[in-house]
Amino acid sequence: MLLEMNVKLRRGHFNLSTCLSINDASAGLFGRSGAGKSTVLGLIAGTIQPQSGHIVLGGKILFDSRKGIMMPREQRPVGAVLQTDCTDSAETVRDNLTAAYNHTLKHRRIFKLDFLIELLELGPILDHAIEQLSAGERQRVALARSLLKSPRLLLLDDTFAAIGNDYRLQLLPILNRLRDELDLPVLYASQSLGEILELTDRLIILEQGKVLHNGSLLEVAKHQGMMRYLGIRQIDNILPVTISRHDYLGGCSLAHSFGLPLTLPLRPHLAVGSQAQVSIRANDIALSRCYIDGISIQNQIKGRICALISSGESLIVQVDCGNTLLAEITPFACRDMALQEGDVIYCLIKTHSIAYLTELDALPHQRVVSHGDGHYYLDATGAANSGGLLLE
């Protein structure tokens, strides 16, 4: 386990009691304003000291109230870009970064200083005093300094919002490479679920200083109340996809999922070969007995009906296409088509009815029906069920 944390902290009316663990993968710390995200990052970084508990990173004790251990921030193997880091200093950016570079042992250095200066476009401000920088410029300098430290864990506090979208697109591939090639996980705190999902689908959901959930988005999707808390729209199907190519003239991105070809809304910023996750509402899937020529719907996926599930005024058709897809139709349509379990069927899906999970922030919550490895649906009372069993 990379990080183990069980601490308590009281500040005025705010009472934080956080217990969490993080393995060697990146994670997103999600919660509304005031949930305690920045406080948790500060506790790990060492800018805030808890009143009791312990924090252990990679086997090293950063804080333990019983043992009387409190490691100073500068000694912690943590790189942190925090909103509270607004120190005014007459030191120039060049001197600040050079000092960070020289303090890192040669065999532990991941980046060259010149590379980070170019990546974060710090050249024009190298001779500026830190106290003269804008908030966004300070965030970029803090990020460079954190990476120069070659940390075991990188903490980012809503950094993308601070540095701007252009830098976000440049940094995302770097952060993913750090995770995959150099085993440097990122703990990213944000109110934007979309920003988190661009880095990881592992969510630590925080509310009033307490962890409500710690797990993958697919695990979160099993809990209707949790998805409502996240403010996510109806998600009936979640599919992992791999981008094959972009058709700029056709206005679409081509991908595949479990061997199935898919035509998605055009997203040229997604690199060919990269992976993403998409969602499809069950009532956006039409069914046909045969492949239809001369139709504008680009996705016609062949599968076999494995279950017909009554759901109030609707009928959920569970289709095995290599992965499970749920389609919602009326009982009349089912009767008119004489659908039965075992029948071969085509799932018709419009390109623009497919949503990228990273773009879910502004979409209203309705319900969660399926998370891909089983069938979950809402019964007539609104409770989520799987195979007739009520989910906790």
Protein backbone atom coordinates (compact mmCIF):
# COMPACT_ATOMS: atom_id res chain seq x y z
CA MET A 1 0.00 0.00 0.00
CA LEU A 2 1.43 3.40 -1.01
CA LEU A 3 -0.50 5.67 1.38
CA GLU A 4 -2.28 4.89 4.64
CA MET A 5 -3.99 7.74 6.41
CA ASN A 6 -6.21 7.80 9.48
CA VAL A 7 -6.34 11.24 11.07
CA LYS A 8 -8.59 13.62 12.94
CA LEU A 9 -8.57 17.41 12.84
CA ARG A 10 -10.97 19.99 14.25
CA ARG A 11 -10.95 23.56 12.94
CA GLY A 12 -13.75 25.70 14.27
CA HIS A 13 -16.99 24.12 13.08
CA PHE A 14 -15.16 21.84 10.62
CA ASN A 15 -14.45 18.37 11.95
CA LEU A 16 -12.30 16.15 9.71
CA SER A 17 -12.10 12.42 10.41
CA THR A 18 -10.51 10.84 7.37
CA CYS A 19 -9.47 7.24 6.89
CA LEU A 20 -8.22 6.24 3.44
CA SER A 21 -5.70 4.09 1.66
CA ILE A 22 -4.21 4.47 -1.80
CA ASN A 23 -2.24 1.87 -3.72
CA ASP A 24 0.31 2.60 -6.45
CA ALA A 25 -2.33 3.89 -8.88
CA SER A 26 -3.52 7.47 -9.31
CA ALA A 27 -6.74 8.56 -7.63
CA GLY A 28 -9.11 11.50 -7.71
CA LEU A 29 -10.26 13.27 -4.56
CA PHE A 30 -13.76 14.49 -5.35
CA GLY A 31 -16.14 16.57 -3.27
CA ARG A 32 -18.09 19.79 -3.12
CA SER A 33 -16.56 23.03 -1.90
CA GLY A 34 -15.83 22.69 1.81
CA ALA A 35 -15.73 18.88 1.77
CA GLY A 36 -12.12 18.92 3.00
CA LYS A 37 -10.19 18.10 -0.20
CA SER A 38 -7.53 20.80 0.22
CA THR A 39 -7.20 19.97 3.91
CA VAL A 40 -6.51 16.30 3.15
CA LEU A 41 -3.82 17.26 0.64
CA GLY A 42 -2.30 19.69 3.14
CA LEU A 43 -2.19 16.97 5.79
CA ILE A 44 -0.31 14.65 3.42
CA ALA A 45 2.04 17.40 2.20
CA GLY A 46 2.79 18.58 5.73
CA THR A 47 1.42 22.13 5.52
CA ILE A 48 -1.29 21.16 8.04
CA GLN A 49 -0.78 18.98 11.11
CA PRO A 50 -3.59 16.74 12.38
CA GLN A 51 -4.42 16.51 16.05
CA SER A 52 -4.28 12.73 16.15
CA GLY A 53 -3.77 9.68 13.97
CA HIS A 54 -1.10 8.57 11.52
CA ILE A 55 0.01 9.07 7.90
CA VAL A 56 2.35 6.54 6.26
CA LEU A 57 3.69 6.91 2.71
CA GLY A 58 5.61 4.07 1.08
CA GLY A 59 6.45 2.59 4.48
CA LYS A 60 7.76 5.94 5.81
CA ILE A 61 5.91 7.52 8.74
CA LEU A 62 5.05 11.12 7.92
CA PHE A 63 2.97 11.64 11.05
CA ASP A 64 2.13 9.55 14.09
CA SER A 65 0.65 11.21 17.16
CA ARG A 66 1.30 8.20 19.42
CA LYS A 67 4.96 7.94 18.45
CA GLY A 68 5.47 11.70 18.42
CA ILE A 69 6.63 11.70 14.78
CA MET A 70 5.99 14.77 12.59
CA MET A 71 8.14 14.86 9.43
CA PRO A 72 8.64 18.42 8.08
CA ARG A 73 7.19 19.20 4.66
CA GLU A 74 10.57 19.66 2.98
CA GLN A 75 11.63 16.14 4.02
CA ARG A 76 8.50 14.36 2.84
CA PRO A 77 8.77 12.39 -0.43
CA VAL A 78 5.76 14.29 -1.72
CA GLY A 79 5.40 16.79 -4.53
CA ALA A 80 2.50 19.14 -3.94
CA VAL A 81 0.88 21.97 -5.88
CA LEU A 82 -1.55 23.43 -3.38
CA GLN A 83 -3.90 26.40 -3.55
CA THR A 84 -2.43 27.61 -0.27
CA ASP A 85 1.07 27.88 -1.77
CA CYS A 86 1.06 31.64 -2.41
CA THR A 87 4.33 32.55 -0.73
CA ASP A 88 5.67 35.97 -1.71
CA SER A 89 9.40 35.82 -2.34
CA ALA A 90 11.96 38.06 -3.97
CA GLU A 91 13.71 34.92 -5.23
CA THR A 92 13.62 34.55 -9.00
CA VAL A 93 11.95 31.63 -10.72
CA ARG A 94 15.34 30.54 -12.09
CA ASP A 95 16.95 30.44 -8.63
CA ASN A 96 13.92 28.71 -7.11
CA LEU A 97 13.88 25.90 -9.66
CA THR A 98 17.67 25.53 -9.77
CA ALA A 99 17.74 25.08 -6.01
CA ALA A 100 15.05 22.38 -6.20
CA TYR A 101 16.97 20.62 -8.97
CA ASN A 102 20.28 20.71 -7.07
CA HIS A 103 18.67 19.40 -3.88
CA THR A 104 17.52 16.23 -5.65
CA LEU A 105 20.01 13.38 -5.72
CA LYS A 106 21.33 12.72 -9.23
CA HIS A 107 20.21 9.09 -9.36
CA ARG A 108 16.65 10.08 -8.42
CA ARG A 109 16.18 12.84 -10.98
CA ILE A 110 13.30 12.16 -13.37
CA PHE A 111 13.29 15.41 -15.36
CA LYS A 112 15.87 17.78 -16.68
CA LEU A 113 15.32 21.36 -15.63
CA ASP A 114 15.36 22.70 -19.20
CA PHE A 115 12.64 20.23 -20.23
CA LEU A 116 10.22 21.42 -17.53
CA ILE A 117 10.98 25.06 -18.29
CA GLU A 118 10.06 24.46 -21.92
CA LEU A 119 7.04 22.26 -21.14
CA LEU A 120 5.46 24.78 -18.78
CA GLU A 121 6.59 27.80 -20.84
CA LEU A 122 8.51 29.33 -17.94
CA GLY A 123 11.28 30.85 -20.06
CA PRO A 124 9.81 34.39 -20.22
CA ILE A 125 9.45 34.58 -16.42
CA LEU A 126 12.71 32.93 -15.29
CA ASP A 127 14.19 36.23 -14.09
CA HIS A 128 10.95 37.43 -12.46
CA ALA A 129 10.58 37.40 -8.71
CA ILE A 130 7.98 34.92 -7.50
CA GLU A 131 6.13 37.72 -5.72
CA GLN A 132 5.56 39.36 -9.12
CA LEU A 133 3.90 36.33 -10.71
CA SER A 134 0.22 35.81 -11.36
CA ALA A 135 -1.65 32.99 -9.62
CA GLY A 136 -1.50 30.80 -12.73
CA GLU A 137 2.24 31.42 -13.19
CA ARG A 138 2.90 30.50 -9.56
CA GLN A 139 1.01 27.25 -10.03
CA ARG A 140 3.16 26.37 -13.05
CA VAL A 141 6.35 27.14 -11.11
CA ALA A 142 5.10 25.08 -8.16
CA LEU A 143 4.35 22.16 -10.48
CA ALA A 144 7.83 22.31 -12.01
CA ARG A 145 9.39 22.47 -8.53
CA SER A 146 7.31 19.49 -7.36
CA LEU A 147 8.34 17.36 -10.34
CA LEU A 148 12.00 18.28 -9.87
CA LYS A 149 11.75 16.81 -6.38
CA SER A 150 11.18 13.32 -7.90
CA PRO A 151 8.45 12.51 -5.35
CA ARG A 152 6.79 9.20 -4.47
CA LEU A 153 3.37 10.86 -4.71
CA LEU A 154 2.24 13.99 -6.56
CA LEU A 155 -0.57 16.06 -5.02
CA LEU A 156 -2.49 18.43 -7.28
CA ASP A 157 -5.19 20.73 -5.89
CA ASP A 158 -7.45 21.70 -8.80
CA THR A 159 -4.28 22.54 -10.74
CA PHE A 160 -5.79 22.31 -14.23
CA ALA A 161 -8.30 25.04 -13.43
CA ALA A 162 -5.51 27.30 -12.19
CA ILE A 163 -3.04 26.87 -15.05
CA GLY A 164 -5.55 26.92 -17.93
CA ASN A 165 -6.82 24.47 -20.53
CA ASP A 166 -3.85 24.76 -22.92
CA TYR A 167 -1.40 23.57 -20.27
CA ARG A 168 -3.85 20.86 -19.18
CA LEU A 169 -3.71 19.28 -22.64
CA GLN A 170 0.09 19.34 -22.51
CA LEU A 171 0.33 17.96 -18.98
CA LEU A 172 -2.17 15.11 -19.18
CA PRO A 173 0.08 12.87 -21.34
CA ILE A 174 3.04 13.67 -19.06
CA LEU A 175 1.12 12.77 -15.90
CA ASN A 176 -0.12 9.54 -17.48
CA ARG A 177 3.44 8.61 -18.48
CA LEU A 178 4.64 9.35 -14.96
CA ARG A 179 2.02 6.95 -13.65
CA ASP A 180 2.57 4.20 -16.23
CA GLU A 181 6.32 4.33 -16.86
CA LEU A 182 7.78 5.77 -13.66
CA ASP A 183 5.22 4.52 -11.13
CA LEU A 184 4.49 8.03 -9.88
CA PRO A 185 0.84 8.18 -8.83
CA VAL A 186 -1.13 11.41 -8.71
CA LEU A 187 -3.75 12.35 -6.12
CA TYR A 188 -5.82 15.01 -7.88
CA ALA A 189 -8.40 16.99 -5.93
CA SER A 190 -11.19 18.73 -7.83
CA GLN A 191 -14.87 19.59 -7.93
CA SER A 192 -14.79 18.60 -11.61
CA LEU A 193 -15.45 14.91 -12.14
CA GLY A 194 -14.47 15.29 -15.80
CA GLU A 195 -10.98 16.54 -14.91
CA ILE A 196 -10.46 13.63 -12.52
CA LEU A 197 -11.62 11.04 -15.05
CA GLU A 198 -9.04 12.30 -17.54
CA LEU A 199 -6.40 11.04 -15.12
CA THR A 200 -8.05 8.11 -13.38
CA ASP A 201 -11.36 6.36 -12.80
CA ARG A 202 -10.54 5.70 -9.15
CA LEU A 203 -12.54 8.06 -6.95
CA ILE A 204 -12.20 9.03 -3.32
CA ILE A 205 -15.44 10.84 -2.55
CA LEU A 206 -15.22 13.23 0.38
CA GLU A 207 -18.00 14.99 2.29
CA GLN A 208 -17.59 17.03 5.48
CA GLY A 209 -14.16 15.59 6.13
CA LYS A 210 -15.21 11.96 5.81
CA VAL A 211 -14.61 9.45 3.00
CA LEU A 212 -17.96 8.34 1.55
CA HIS A 213 -16.47 6.01 -1.05
CA ASN A 214 -13.09 4.82 -2.27
CA GLY A 215 -13.11 2.79 -5.48
CA SER A 216 -13.51 2.77 -9.24
CA LEU A 217 -16.25 4.62 -11.09
CA LEU A 218 -17.75 1.25 -12.00
CA GLU A 219 -18.05 0.45 -8.29
CA VAL A 220 -19.55 3.87 -7.62
CA ALA A 221 -22.08 3.26 -10.40
CA LYS A 222 -23.65 0.47 -8.35
CA HIS A 223 -24.81 2.99 -5.77
CA GLN A 224 -27.67 5.15 -6.96
CA GLY A 225 -27.38 7.63 -4.10
CA MET A 226 -23.64 8.10 -4.70
CA MET A 227 -24.16 8.90 -8.37
CA ARG A 228 -26.87 11.39 -7.42
CA TYR A 229 -24.37 13.01 -5.05
CA LEU A 230 -21.88 13.25 -7.91
CA GLY A 231 -24.53 14.97 -10.02
CA ILE A 232 -24.15 12.52 -12.90
CA ARG A 233 -26.76 12.03 -15.59
CA GLN A 234 -28.42 8.71 -16.33
CA ILE A 235 -25.81 6.11 -17.20
CA ASP A 236 -27.17 2.81 -18.38
CA ASN A 237 -24.05 1.41 -20.05
CA ILE A 238 -20.36 2.14 -19.47
CA LEU A 239 -17.94 0.91 -22.12
CA PRO A 240 -14.14 1.10 -22.26
CA VAL A 241 -13.00 2.09 -25.75
CA THR A 242 -9.69 2.33 -27.58
CA ILE A 243 -9.35 5.12 -30.13
CA SER A 244 -8.48 3.78 -33.61
CA ARG A 245 -8.41 6.97 -35.69
CA HIS A 246 -10.10 10.33 -36.24
CA ASP A 247 -12.20 11.08 -39.30
CA TYR A 248 -12.08 14.86 -39.47
CA LEU A 249 -14.16 15.14 -42.63
CA GLY A 250 -16.72 12.72 -41.25
CA GLY A 251 -16.81 14.52 -37.90
CA CYS A 252 -16.26 11.40 -35.80
CA SER A 253 -13.69 9.38 -33.91
CA LEU A 254 -13.48 5.66 -34.62
CA ALA A 255 -12.85 3.23 -31.78
CA HIS A 256 -13.35 -0.34 -30.70
CA SER A 257 -14.60 -1.95 -27.51
CA PHE A 258 -14.27 -5.69 -26.84
CA GLY A 259 -13.59 -6.14 -30.55
CA LEU A 260 -16.67 -4.15 -31.57
CA PRO A 261 -16.21 -1.13 -33.87
CA LEU A 262 -17.79 2.09 -32.59
CA THR A 263 -18.28 5.51 -34.15
CA LEU A 264 -17.99 8.23 -31.50
CA PRO A 265 -18.27 12.03 -31.44
CA LEU A 266 -15.06 13.58 -32.76
CA ARG A 267 -12.47 14.24 -30.06
CA PRO A 268 -9.16 14.91 -31.84
CA HIS A 269 -7.32 15.54 -28.55
CA LEU A 270 -7.61 11.81 -27.76
CA ALA A 271 -4.47 10.15 -29.09
CA VAL A 272 -4.79 7.15 -31.39
CA GLY A 273 -4.33 4.04 -29.28
CA SER A 274 -5.42 5.80 -26.09
CA GLN A 275 -8.24 4.51 -23.95
CA ALA A 276 -11.37 6.26 -22.78
CA GLN A 277 -14.71 5.39 -21.28
CA VAL A 278 -18.09 6.24 -22.78
CA SER A 279 -21.66 5.96 -21.58
CA ILE A 280 -24.82 5.15 -23.50
CA ARG A 281 -28.33 5.52 -22.17
CA ALA A 282 -30.53 2.46 -22.57
CA ASN A 283 -33.33 4.51 -24.13
CA ASP A 284 -30.89 5.77 -26.77
CA ILE A 285 -30.47 2.24 -28.12
CA ALA A 286 -32.95 1.07 -30.76
CA LEU A 287 -33.28 -2.57 -31.74
CA SER A 288 -33.59 -4.19 -35.15
CA ARG A 289 -33.97 -7.78 -36.33
CA CYS A 290 -31.49 -7.14 -39.16
CA TYR A 291 -28.71 -4.82 -40.28
CA ILE A 292 -30.23 -1.74 -41.93
CA ASP A 293 -28.66 -0.19 -45.04
CA GLY A 294 -29.21 3.45 -45.98
CA ILE A 295 -29.63 4.77 -42.44
CA SER A 296 -27.82 7.63 -40.70
CA ILE A 297 -27.20 5.64 -37.52
CA GLN A 298 -23.54 4.61 -37.71
CA ASN A 299 -23.43 2.07 -34.90
CA GLN A 300 -25.25 -1.19 -35.58
CA ILE A 301 -23.92 -3.76 -33.14
CA LYS A 302 -24.87 -7.41 -33.47
CA GLY A 303 -25.65 -9.39 -30.34
CA ARG A 304 -27.88 -11.99 -28.73
CA ILE A 305 -30.68 -11.34 -26.24
CA CYS A 306 -29.85 -12.94 -22.91
CA ALA A 307 -32.61 -11.42 -20.74
CA LEU A 308 -35.89 -9.51 -20.98
CA ILE A 309 -36.48 -7.55 -17.76
CA SER A 310 -39.73 -5.80 -16.90
CA SER A 311 -39.13 -2.32 -15.43
CA GLY A 312 -42.36 -0.45 -14.79
CA GLU A 313 -43.73 0.89 -18.07
CA SER A 314 -40.55 -0.13 -19.89
CA LEU A 315 -38.75 -3.30 -20.79
CA ILE A 316 -34.98 -3.68 -20.39
CA VAL A 317 -33.41 -5.88 -23.05
CA GLN A 318 -30.04 -7.28 -22.02
CA VAL A 319 -27.93 -7.98 -25.11
CA ASP A 320 -24.67 -9.90 -25.19
CA CYS A 321 -22.42 -8.21 -27.77
CA GLY A 322 -19.14 -9.42 -26.29
CA ASN A 323 -19.96 -6.99 -23.52
CA THR A 324 -23.39 -6.46 -22.00
CA LEU A 325 -25.55 -3.69 -23.46
CA LEU A 326 -28.90 -2.69 -21.98
CA ALA A 327 -31.60 -1.29 -24.28
CA GLU A 328 -34.87 0.16 -23.02
CA ILE A 329 -37.97 -0.32 -25.18
CA THR A 330 -41.72 -0.52 -24.62
CA PRO A 331 -43.47 -3.83 -23.96
CA PHE A 332 -45.48 -3.10 -27.14
CA ALA A 333 -42.29 -2.95 -29.23
CA CYS A 334 -41.10 -6.20 -27.68
CA ARG A 335 -44.40 -7.89 -28.47
CA ASP A 336 -44.53 -6.43 -32.00
CA MET A 337 -41.01 -7.71 -32.74
CA ALA A 338 -41.72 -11.02 -30.96
CA LEU A 339 -38.44 -10.76 -29.08
CA GLN A 340 -37.32 -13.75 -27.06
CA GLU A 341 -34.25 -14.71 -25.12
CA GLY A 342 -31.65 -16.19 -27.47
CA ASP A 343 -32.71 -14.10 -30.49
CA VAL A 344 -30.02 -12.40 -32.59
CA ILE A 345 -30.56 -8.64 -32.59
CA TYR A 346 -28.84 -5.42 -33.72
CA CYS A 347 -28.36 -2.52 -31.31
CA LEU A 348 -28.66 0.81 -33.18
CA ILE A 349 -26.87 3.72 -31.50
CA LYS A 350 -26.55 7.27 -32.83
CA THR A 351 -23.03 8.67 -32.68
CA HIS A 352 -24.02 11.75 -30.70
CA SER A 353 -25.98 9.77 -28.13
CA ILE A 354 -22.65 8.41 -26.89
CA ALA A 355 -21.12 10.54 -24.10
CA TYR A 356 -17.54 10.55 -22.88
CA LEU A 357 -17.34 10.06 -19.12
CA THR A 358 -14.91 12.95 -18.85
CA GLU A 359 -17.68 15.26 -20.09
CA LEU A 360 -20.37 14.29 -17.60
CA ASP A 361 -20.03 17.24 -15.22
CA ALA A 362 -22.74 19.42 -16.72
CA LEU A 363 -25.21 16.60 -17.34
CA PRO A 364 -28.09 16.09 -14.89
CA HIS A 365 -28.35 12.98 -12.75
CA GLN A 366 -31.17 10.57 -13.40
CA ARG A 367 -30.20 7.00 -12.53
CA VAL A 368 -27.64 4.26 -12.91
CA VAL A 369 -28.67 1.03 -14.58
CA SER A 370 -25.54 -0.86 -15.65
CA HIS A 371 -21.83 -0.68 -15.06
CA GLY A 372 -20.77 -3.26 -17.63
CA ASP A 373 -20.15 -6.45 -15.65
CA GLY A 374 -23.76 -7.30 -14.84
CA HIS A 375 -27.27 -5.96 -15.23
CA TYR A 376 -28.52 -3.34 -12.80
CA TYR A 377 -31.86 -1.66 -13.22
CA LEU A 378 -34.46 0.37 -11.37
CA ASP A 379 -37.56 -1.46 -10.29
CA ALA A 380 -40.98 0.13 -10.08
CA THR A 381 -40.17 1.55 -6.63
CA GLY A 382 -36.96 3.17 -7.88
CA ALA A 383 -34.63 0.76 -6.07
CA ALA A 384 -31.65 -0.63 -7.96
CA ASN A 385 -31.67 -4.41 -8.44
CA SER A 386 -29.34 -7.02 -9.89
CA GLY A 387 -30.81 -10.39 -10.74
CA GLY A 388 -33.75 -9.57 -8.48
CA LEU A 389 -31.58 -8.83 -5.41
CA LEU A 390 -31.71 -5.44 -3.77
CA LEU A 391 -28.34 -3.69 -3.76
CA GLU A 392 -27.07 -2.07 -0.58
